[in-house]
PDB file of N, CA and C in Angstrom:
ATOM      1  N   MET A   1     -11.475 -14.140   0.967  1.00  0.00           N
ATOM      2  CA  MET A   1     -12.215 -13.387   2.050  1.00  0.00           C
ATOM      3  C   MET A   1     -13.696 -13.797   1.688  1.00  0.00           C
ATOM      4  N   ARG A   2     -14.423 -14.309   2.666  1.00  0.00           N
ATOM      5  CA  ARG A   2     -15.872 -14.636   2.552  1.00  0.00           C
ATOM      6  C   ARG A   2     -16.678 -13.351   2.567  1.00  0.00           C
ATOM      7  N   CYS A   3     -17.742 -13.358   1.952  1.00  0.00           N
ATOM      8  CA  CYS A   3     -18.580 -12.165   1.970  1.00  0.00           C
ATOM      9  C   CYS A   3     -19.789 -12.376   2.962  1.00  0.00           C
ATOM     10  N   GLY A   4     -19.497 -12.590   4.319  1.00  0.00           N
ATOM     11  CA  GLY A   4     -20.313 -12.643   5.347  1.00  0.00           C
ATOM     12  C   GLY A   4     -20.916 -11.339   5.765  1.00  0.00           C
ATOM     13  N   GLY A   5     -21.684 -11.308   6.939  1.00  0.00           N
ATOM     14  CA  GLY A   5     -22.174 -10.175   7.382  1.00  0.00           C
ATOM     15  C   GLY A   5     -21.229  -9.115   7.786  1.00  0.00           C
ATOM     16  N   ARG A   6     -20.040  -9.424   8.389  1.00  0.00           N
ATOM     17  CA  ARG A   6     -18.952  -8.510   8.774  1.00  0.00           C
ATOM     18  C   ARG A   6     -18.450  -7.849   7.387  1.00  0.00           C
ATOM     19  N   ALA A   7     -18.248  -8.672   6.410  1.00  0.00           N
ATOM     20  CA  ALA A   7     -17.751  -8.062   5.303  1.00  0.00           C
ATOM     21  C   ALA A   7     -18.578  -6.967   4.691  1.00  0.00           C
ATOM     22  N   TRP A   8     -19.862  -7.258   4.636  1.00  0.00           N
ATOM     23  CA  TRP A   8     -20.841  -6.195   4.139  1.00  0.00           C
ATOM     24  C   TRP A   8     -20.749  -4.899   4.985  1.00  0.00           C
ATOM     25  N   ARG A   9     -20.635  -5.114   6.383  1.00  0.00           N
ATOM     26  CA  ARG A   9     -20.731  -3.945   7.300  1.00  0.00           C
ATOM     27  C   ARG A   9     -19.405  -3.210   7.018  1.00  0.00           C
ATOM     28  N   LEU A  10     -18.262  -3.868   6.789  1.00  0.00           N
ATOM     29  CA  LEU A  10     -17.035  -3.180   6.428  1.00  0.00           C
ATOM     30  C   LEU A  10     -17.134  -2.406   5.192  1.00  0.00           C
ATOM     31  N   ALA A  11     -17.734  -3.018   4.188  1.00  0.00           N
ATOM     32  CA  ALA A  11     -17.989  -2.328   2.915  1.00  0.00           C
ATOM     33  C   ALA A  11     -18.764  -1.178   3.108  1.00  0.00           C
ATOM     34  N   ALA A  12     -19.900  -1.225   3.843  1.00  0.00           N
ATOM     35  CA  ALA A  12     -20.696  -0.074   3.957  1.00  0.00           C
ATOM     36  C   ALA A  12     -20.043   1.111   4.824  1.00  0.00           C
ATOM     37  N   LEU A  13     -19.187   0.673   5.752  1.00  0.00           N
ATOM     38  CA  LEU A  13     -18.472   1.707   6.600  1.00  0.00           C
ATOM     39  C   LEU A  13     -17.518   2.491   5.578  1.00  0.00           C
ATOM     40  N   LEU A  14     -16.844   1.695   4.745  1.00  0.00           N
ATOM     41  CA  LEU A  14     -15.964   2.273   3.899  1.00  0.00           C
ATOM     42  C   LEU A  14     -16.553   3.289   2.866  1.00  0.00           C
ATOM     43  N   LEU A  15     -17.733   2.975   2.475  1.00  0.00           N
ATOM     44  CA  LEU A  15     -18.590   3.917   1.590  1.00  0.00           C
ATOM     45  C   LEU A  15     -18.776   5.162   2.428  1.00  0.00           C
ATOM     46  N   LEU A  16     -19.078   5.063   3.710  1.00  0.00           N
ATOM     47  CA  LEU A  16     -19.513   6.235   4.492  1.00  0.00           C
ATOM     48  C   LEU A  16     -18.346   7.101   5.073  1.00  0.00           C
ATOM     49  N   VAL A  17     -17.173   6.508   4.946  1.00  0.00           N
ATOM     50  CA  VAL A  17     -15.926   7.202   5.549  1.00  0.00           C
ATOM     51  C   VAL A  17     -15.905   8.730   5.116  1.00  0.00           C
ATOM     52  N   PRO A  18     -15.985   8.975   3.773  1.00  0.00           N
ATOM     53  CA  PRO A  18     -15.805  10.372   3.426  1.00  0.00           C
ATOM     54  C   PRO A  18     -16.852  11.357   4.013  1.00  0.00           C
ATOM     55  N   ALA A  19     -18.001  10.898   4.593  1.00  0.00           N
ATOM     56  CA  ALA A  19     -18.993  11.711   5.176  1.00  0.00           C
ATOM     57  C   ALA A  19     -18.626  11.964   6.654  1.00  0.00           C
ATOM     58  N   LEU A  20     -17.686  11.094   7.118  1.00  0.00           N
ATOM     59  CA  LEU A  20     -17.239  11.214   8.623  1.00  0.00           C
ATOM     60  C   LEU A  20     -16.532  12.542   8.875  1.00  0.00           C
ATOM     61  N   GLY A  21     -15.845  13.081   7.831  1.00  0.00           N
ATOM     62  CA  GLY A  21     -15.050  14.347   8.074  1.00  0.00           C
ATOM     63  C   GLY A  21     -15.696  15.605   8.184  1.00  0.00           C
ATOM     64  N   GLY A  22     -17.045  15.554   7.968  1.00  0.00           N
ATOM     65  CA  GLY A  22     -17.921  16.794   8.076  1.00  0.00           C
ATOM     66  C   GLY A  22     -17.645  17.577   6.811  1.00  0.00           C
ATOM     67  N   ARG A  23     -17.981  18.900   6.977  1.00  0.00           N
ATOM     68  CA  ARG A  23     -18.012  19.700   5.855  1.00  0.00           C
ATOM     69  C   ARG A  23     -16.478  20.410   5.600  1.00  0.00           C
ATOM     70  N   GLY A  24     -16.441  20.950   4.455  1.00  0.00           N
ATOM     71  CA  GLY A  24     -15.175  21.495   4.168  1.00  0.00           C
ATOM     72  C   GLY A  24     -14.135  20.576   3.511  1.00  0.00           C
ATOM     73  N   LYS A  25     -12.914  20.913   3.557  1.00  0.00           N
ATOM     74  CA  LYS A  25     -11.891  20.073   2.962  1.00  0.00           C
ATOM     75  C   LYS A  25     -11.848  18.751   3.741  1.00  0.00           C
ATOM     76  N   PRO A  26     -11.761  17.594   2.946  1.00  0.00           N
ATOM     77  CA  PRO A  26     -11.573  16.353   3.567  1.00  0.00           C
ATOM     78  C   PRO A  26     -10.272  16.203   4.449  1.00  0.00           C
ATOM     79  N   ASN A  27     -10.431  15.536   5.491  1.00  0.00           N
ATOM     80  CA  ASN A  27      -9.235  15.182   6.272  1.00  0.00           C
ATOM     81  C   ASN A  27      -8.634  13.841   5.924  1.00  0.00           C
ATOM     82  N   VAL A  28      -7.841  13.847   4.942  1.00  0.00           N
ATOM     83  CA  VAL A  28      -7.333  12.521   4.330  1.00  0.00           C
ATOM     84  C   VAL A  28      -6.701  11.702   5.341  1.00  0.00           C
ATOM     85  N   GLU A  29      -5.882  12.241   6.376  1.00  0.00           N
ATOM     86  CA  GLU A  29      -5.118  11.344   7.275  1.00  0.00           C
ATOM     87  C   GLU A  29      -6.157  10.725   8.215  1.00  0.00           C
ATOM     88  N   HIS A  30      -7.253  11.435   8.673  1.00  0.00           N
ATOM     89  CA  HIS A  30      -8.220  10.896   9.435  1.00  0.00           C
ATOM     90  C   HIS A  30      -9.014   9.739   8.700  1.00  0.00           C
ATOM     91  N   THR A  31      -9.342  10.072   7.379  1.00  0.00           N
ATOM     92  CA  THR A  31      -9.969   9.015   6.622  1.00  0.00           C
ATOM     93  C   THR A  31      -9.160   7.632   6.440  1.00  0.00           C
ATOM     94  N   LEU A  32      -7.896   7.925   6.147  1.00  0.00           N
ATOM     95  CA  LEU A  32      -7.008   6.803   6.173  1.00  0.00           C
ATOM     96  C   LEU A  32      -6.883   5.940   7.406  1.00  0.00           C
ATOM     97  N   GLN A  33      -6.864   6.624   8.555  1.00  0.00           N
ATOM     98  CA  GLN A  33      -6.726   6.074   9.675  1.00  0.00           C
ATOM     99  C   GLN A  33      -8.076   5.292  10.023  1.00  0.00           C
ATOM    100  N   THR A  34      -9.274   5.898   9.772  1.00  0.00           N
ATOM    101  CA  THR A  34     -10.442   5.233   9.966  1.00  0.00           C
ATOM    102  C   THR A  34     -10.612   4.037   9.142  1.00  0.00           C
ATOM    103  N   ILE A  35     -10.372   4.026   7.890  1.00  0.00           N
ATOM    104  CA  ILE A  35     -10.290   2.826   6.982  1.00  0.00           C
ATOM    105  C   ILE A  35      -9.515   1.720   7.577  1.00  0.00           C
ATOM    106  N   LEU A  36      -8.135   2.139   7.991  1.00  0.00           N
ATOM    107  CA  LEU A  36      -7.172   1.175   8.380  1.00  0.00           C
ATOM    108  C   LEU A  36      -7.720   0.524   9.681  1.00  0.00           C
ATOM    109  N   GLU A  37      -8.284   1.267  10.720  1.00  0.00           N
ATOM    110  CA  GLU A  37      -8.951   0.573  11.847  1.00  0.00           C
ATOM    111  C   GLU A  37      -9.989  -0.172  11.496  1.00  0.00           C
ATOM    112  N   ALA A  38     -10.874   0.118  10.711  1.00  0.00           N
ATOM    113  CA  ALA A  38     -12.008  -0.730  10.296  1.00  0.00           C
ATOM    114  C   ALA A  38     -11.628  -1.954   9.658  1.00  0.00           C
ATOM    115  N   THR A  39     -10.730  -1.865   8.773  1.00  0.00           N
ATOM    116  CA  THR A  39     -10.083  -2.903   8.052  1.00  0.00           C
ATOM    117  C   THR A  39      -9.492  -4.010   8.980  1.00  0.00           C
ATOM    118  N   ASN A  40      -8.642  -3.356  10.044  1.00  0.00           N
ATOM    119  CA  ASN A  40      -7.829  -4.328  10.862  1.00  0.00           C
ATOM    120  C   ASN A  40      -8.912  -4.945  11.900  1.00  0.00           C
ATOM    121  N   GLN A  41      -9.867  -4.184  12.202  1.00  0.00           N
ATOM    122  CA  GLN A  41     -10.966  -4.818  13.251  1.00  0.00           C
ATOM    123  C   GLN A  41     -11.523  -6.027  12.365  1.00  0.00           C
ATOM    124  N   PHE A  42     -11.802  -5.806  11.157  1.00  0.00           N
ATOM    125  CA  PHE A  42     -12.457  -7.015  10.367  1.00  0.00           C
ATOM    126  C   PHE A  42     -11.387  -8.143  10.358  1.00  0.00           C
ATOM    127  N   ARG A  43     -10.204  -7.824   9.835  1.00  0.00           N
ATOM    128  CA  ARG A  43      -9.160  -8.758   9.792  1.00  0.00           C
ATOM    129  C   ARG A  43      -8.912  -9.479  11.145  1.00  0.00           C
ATOM    130  N   ALA A  44      -8.909  -8.864  12.343  1.00  0.00           N
ATOM    131  CA  ALA A  44      -8.723  -9.534  13.591  1.00  0.00           C
ATOM    132  C   ALA A  44      -9.935 -10.595  13.829  1.00  0.00           C
ATOM    133  N   GLY A  45     -11.114 -10.106  13.330  1.00  0.00           N
ATOM    134  CA  GLY A  45     -12.249 -11.046  13.649  1.00  0.00           C
ATOM    135  C   GLY A  45     -12.077 -12.347  12.686  1.00  0.00           C
ATOM    136  N   GLU A  46     -11.315 -12.187  11.695  1.00  0.00           N
ATOM    137  CA  GLU A  46     -11.195 -13.295  10.671  1.00  0.00           C
ATOM    138  C   GLU A  46      -9.864 -14.099  11.053  1.00  0.00           C
ATOM    139  N   GLY A  47      -9.073 -13.655  12.196  1.00  0.00           N
ATOM    140  CA  GLY A  47      -7.826 -14.278  12.537  1.00  0.00           C
ATOM    141  C   GLY A  47      -6.689 -13.901  11.793  1.00  0.00           C
ATOM    142  N   HIS A  48      -6.774 -12.623  11.080  1.00  0.00           N
ATOM    143  CA  HIS A  48      -5.494 -12.205  10.230  1.00  0.00           C
ATOM    144  C   HIS A  48      -4.796 -11.086  10.969  1.00  0.00           C
ATOM    145  N   LYS A  49      -3.450 -10.933  10.732  1.00  0.00           N
ATOM    146  CA  LYS A  49      -2.675  -9.899  11.382  1.00  0.00           C
ATOM    147  C   LYS A  49      -3.067  -8.569  10.729  1.00  0.00           C
ATOM    148  N   PRO A  50      -2.767  -7.527  11.496  1.00  0.00           N
ATOM    149  CA  PRO A  50      -3.237  -6.097  11.134  1.00  0.00           C
ATOM    150  C   PRO A  50      -2.266  -5.542   9.942  1.00  0.00           C
ATOM    151  N   PHE A  51      -2.990  -4.721   9.176  1.00  0.00           N
ATOM    152  CA  PHE A  51      -2.186  -3.995   8.063  1.00  0.00           C
ATOM    153  C   PHE A  51      -1.622  -2.765   8.834  1.00  0.00           C
ATOM    154  N   LYS A  52      -0.455  -2.353   8.190  1.00  0.00           N
ATOM    155  CA  LYS A  52       0.169  -1.121   8.577  1.00  0.00           C
ATOM    156  C   LYS A  52       0.366  -0.214   7.416  1.00  0.00           C
ATOM    157  N   LEU A  53       0.073   1.139   7.479  1.00  0.00           N
ATOM    158  CA  LEU A  53       0.266   1.908   6.444  1.00  0.00           C
ATOM    159  C   LEU A  53       1.867   2.013   5.970  1.00  0.00           C
ATOM    160  N   ASN A  54       2.116   2.061   4.716  1.00  0.00           N
ATOM    161  CA  ASN A  54       3.450   2.231   4.270  1.00  0.00           C
ATOM    162  C   ASN A  54       3.442   3.645   3.538  1.00  0.00           C
ATOM    163  N   PRO A  55       4.352   4.534   4.035  1.00  0.00           N
ATOM    164  CA  PRO A  55       4.349   5.923   3.527  1.00  0.00           C
ATOM    165  C   PRO A  55       4.709   5.899   1.942  1.00  0.00           C
ATOM    166  N   HIS A  56       5.607   5.118   1.641  1.00  0.00           N
ATOM    167  CA  HIS A  56       5.960   4.906   0.204  1.00  0.00           C
ATOM    168  C   HIS A  56       4.843   4.495  -0.663  1.00  0.00           C
ATOM    169  N   LEU A  57       4.137   3.382  -0.301  1.00  0.00           N
ATOM    170  CA  LEU A  57       3.121   2.989  -1.062  1.00  0.00           C
ATOM    171  C   LEU A  57       1.941   3.957  -1.088  1.00  0.00           C
ATOM    172  N   SER A  58       1.549   4.650   0.038  1.00  0.00           N
ATOM    173  CA  SER A  58       0.594   5.608   0.119  1.00  0.00           C
ATOM    174  C   SER A  58       0.871   6.742  -0.769  1.00  0.00           C
ATOM    175  N   ALA A  59       2.197   7.198  -0.931  1.00  0.00           N
ATOM    176  CA  ALA A  59       2.594   8.284  -1.760  1.00  0.00           C
ATOM    177  C   ALA A  59       2.366   7.837  -3.208  1.00  0.00           C
ATOM    178  N   ALA A  60       2.734   6.657  -3.531  1.00  0.00           N
ATOM    179  CA  ALA A  60       2.503   6.161  -4.965  1.00  0.00           C
ATOM    180  C   ALA A  60       0.987   6.060  -5.340  1.00  0.00           C
ATOM    181  N   ALA A  61       0.222   5.659  -4.473  1.00  0.00           N
ATOM    182  CA  ALA A  61      -1.290   5.542  -4.614  1.00  0.00           C
ATOM    183  C   ALA A  61      -1.849   6.951  -4.753  1.00  0.00           C
ATOM    184  N   GLN A  62      -1.369   7.886  -4.011  1.00  0.00           N
ATOM    185  CA  GLN A  62      -1.819   9.233  -4.137  1.00  0.00           C
ATOM    186  C   GLN A  62      -1.471   9.864  -5.383  1.00  0.00           C
ATOM    187  N   GLN A  63      -0.252   9.718  -5.821  1.00  0.00           N
ATOM    188  CA  GLN A  63       0.262  10.094  -7.117  1.00  0.00           C
ATOM    189  C   GLN A  63      -0.509   9.530  -8.221  1.00  0.00           C
ATOM    190  N   HIS A  64      -0.710   8.302  -8.111  1.00  0.00           N
ATOM    191  CA  HIS A  64      -1.651   7.655  -9.281  1.00  0.00           C
ATOM    192  C   HIS A  64      -3.037   8.105  -9.260  1.00  0.00           C
ATOM    193  N   ALA A  65      -3.625   8.235  -8.113  1.00  0.00           N
ATOM    194  CA  ALA A  65      -5.042   8.896  -8.050  1.00  0.00           C
ATOM    195  C   ALA A  65      -5.035  10.081  -8.666  1.00  0.00           C
ATOM    196  N   ALA A  66      -3.995  11.022  -8.359  1.00  0.00           N
ATOM    197  CA  ALA A  66      -4.083  12.363  -8.930  1.00  0.00           C
ATOM    198  C   ALA A  66      -3.990  12.399 -10.364  1.00  0.00           C
ATOM    199  N   HIS A  67      -3.103  11.473 -11.014  1.00  0.00           N
ATOM    200  CA  HIS A  67      -2.871  11.297 -12.429  1.00  0.00           C
ATOM    201  C   HIS A  67      -4.248  10.885 -13.051  1.00  0.00           C
ATOM    202  N   MET A  68      -4.805   9.843 -12.456  1.00  0.00           N
ATOM    203  CA  MET A  68      -6.175   9.402 -13.102  1.00  0.00           C
ATOM    204  C   MET A  68      -7.251  10.519 -12.977  1.00  0.00           C
ATOM    205  N   ALA A  69      -7.221  11.328 -11.861  1.00  0.00           N
ATOM    206  CA  ALA A  69      -8.287  12.570 -11.834  1.00  0.00           C
ATOM    207  C   ALA A  69      -7.911  13.493 -12.830  1.00  0.00           C
ATOM    208  N   GLN A  70      -6.722  13.742 -13.196  1.00  0.00           N
ATOM    209  CA  GLN A  70      -6.359  14.782 -14.093  1.00  0.00           C
ATOM    210  C   GLN A  70      -6.618  14.335 -15.556  1.00  0.00           C
ATOM    211  N   ALA A  71      -6.425  12.953 -15.707  1.00  0.00           N
ATOM    212  CA  ALA A  71      -6.657  12.318 -17.076  1.00  0.00           C
ATOM    213  C   ALA A  71      -8.071  11.988 -17.281  1.00  0.00           C
ATOM    214  N   GLU A  72      -8.959  12.050 -16.112  1.00  0.00           N
ATOM    215  CA  GLU A  72     -10.297  11.710 -16.209  1.00  0.00           C
ATOM    216  C   GLU A  72     -10.539  10.320 -16.667  1.00  0.00           C
ATOM    217  N   MET A  73      -9.737   9.390 -16.043  1.00  0.00           N
ATOM    218  CA  MET A  73      -9.784   7.958 -16.482  1.00  0.00           C
ATOM    219  C   MET A  73      -9.533   7.187 -15.159  1.00  0.00           C
ATOM    220  N   MET A  74      -9.910   5.864 -15.216  1.00  0.00           N
ATOM    221  CA  MET A  74      -9.477   5.053 -14.025  1.00  0.00           C
ATOM    222  C   MET A  74      -8.810   3.820 -14.633  1.00  0.00           C
ATOM    223  N   SER A  75      -7.645   3.474 -14.119  1.00  0.00           N
ATOM    224  CA  SER A  75      -6.885   2.427 -14.650  1.00  0.00           C
ATOM    225  C   SER A  75      -5.703   2.094 -13.692  1.00  0.00           C
ATOM    226  N   HIS A  76      -5.362   0.962 -13.609  1.00  0.00           N
ATOM    227  CA  HIS A  76      -4.292   0.430 -12.891  1.00  0.00           C
ATOM    228  C   HIS A  76      -2.935   0.537 -13.805  1.00  0.00           C
ATOM    229  N   ALA A  77      -3.101   0.753 -15.040  1.00  0.00           N
ATOM    230  CA  ALA A  77      -1.952   0.755 -16.060  1.00  0.00           C
ATOM    231  C   ALA A  77      -1.106   1.957 -15.428  1.00  0.00           C
ATOM    232  N   GLY A  78       0.201   1.453 -15.390  1.00  0.00           N
ATOM    233  CA  GLY A  78       1.153   2.518 -14.983  1.00  0.00           C
ATOM    234  C   GLY A  78       1.392   2.531 -13.507  1.00  0.00           C
ATOM    235  N   PHE A  79       0.623   1.729 -12.641  1.00  0.00           N
ATOM    236  CA  PHE A  79       0.716   1.914 -11.251  1.00  0.00           C
ATOM    237  C   PHE A  79       2.161   1.268 -10.701  1.00  0.00           C
ATOM    238  N   ALA A  80       2.523   0.264 -11.247  1.00  0.00           N
ATOM    239  CA  ALA A  80       3.852  -0.300 -10.934  1.00  0.00           C
ATOM    240  C   ALA A  80       4.945   0.731 -11.031  1.00  0.00           C
ATOM    241  N   ALA A  81       4.942   1.488 -12.002  1.00  0.00           N
ATOM    242  CA  ALA A  81       5.940   2.406 -12.290  1.00  0.00           C
ATOM    243  C   ALA A  81       5.880   3.556 -11.124  1.00  0.00           C
ATOM    244  N   CYS A  82       4.554   3.905 -10.735  1.00  0.00           N
ATOM    245  CA  CYS A  82       4.355   4.900  -9.745  1.00  0.00           C
ATOM    246  C   CYS A  82       4.939   4.266  -8.445  1.00  0.00           C
ATOM    247  N   ILE A  83       4.761   3.115  -8.135  1.00  0.00           N
ATOM    248  CA  ILE A  83       5.335   2.452  -6.845  1.00  0.00           C
ATOM    249  C   ILE A  83       6.781   2.575  -6.824  1.00  0.00           C
ATOM    250  N   ARG A  84       7.560   2.116  -7.997  1.00  0.00           N
ATOM    251  CA  ARG A  84       8.974   2.210  -7.989  1.00  0.00           C
ATOM    252  C   ARG A  84       9.374   3.655  -7.903  1.00  0.00           C
ATOM    253  N   GLN A  85       8.613   4.609  -8.614  1.00  0.00           N
ATOM    254  CA  GLN A  85       9.228   6.026  -8.510  1.00  0.00           C
ATOM    255  C   GLN A  85       9.030   6.521  -7.148  1.00  0.00           C
ATOM    256  N   ALA A  86       7.984   6.041  -6.301  1.00  0.00           N
ATOM    257  CA  ALA A  86       7.933   6.612  -5.077  1.00  0.00           C
ATOM    258  C   ALA A  86       8.872   5.920  -3.940  1.00  0.00           C
ATOM    259  N   GLY A  87       9.611   4.901  -4.404  1.00  0.00           N
ATOM    260  CA  GLY A  87      10.599   4.392  -3.511  1.00  0.00           C
ATOM    261  C   GLY A  87      10.245   3.127  -2.824  1.00  0.00           C
ATOM    262  N   TYR A  88       8.976   2.642  -3.173  1.00  0.00           N
ATOM    263  CA  TYR A  88       8.501   1.273  -2.660  1.00  0.00           C
ATOM    264  C   TYR A  88       9.232   0.189  -3.246  1.00  0.00           C
ATOM    265  N   ARG A  89       9.678  -0.686  -2.448  1.00  0.00           N
ATOM    266  CA  ARG A  89      10.483  -1.899  -3.095  1.00  0.00           C
ATOM    267  C   ARG A  89       9.736  -3.135  -2.504  1.00  0.00           C
TER     268      ARG A  89
END
């Protein structure tokens, strides 16, 4: 993927997504949908097919993110096991 003007606009949008939900508890589903739509709009402009959310992969990612937050660390170590445990093949 080249880092042209559209890539930078997409990156900026993704950084702003948490602010789109307003105050209070973040609306995770809305945030995911906003990111997916922005990503697919960018991909369409580059001639690529759209992404679709996979509930198994999303569950694995959420589980891994919670583990990293609890452990106060960031790492992809162990993520493959999370994916398998969540039923993603």
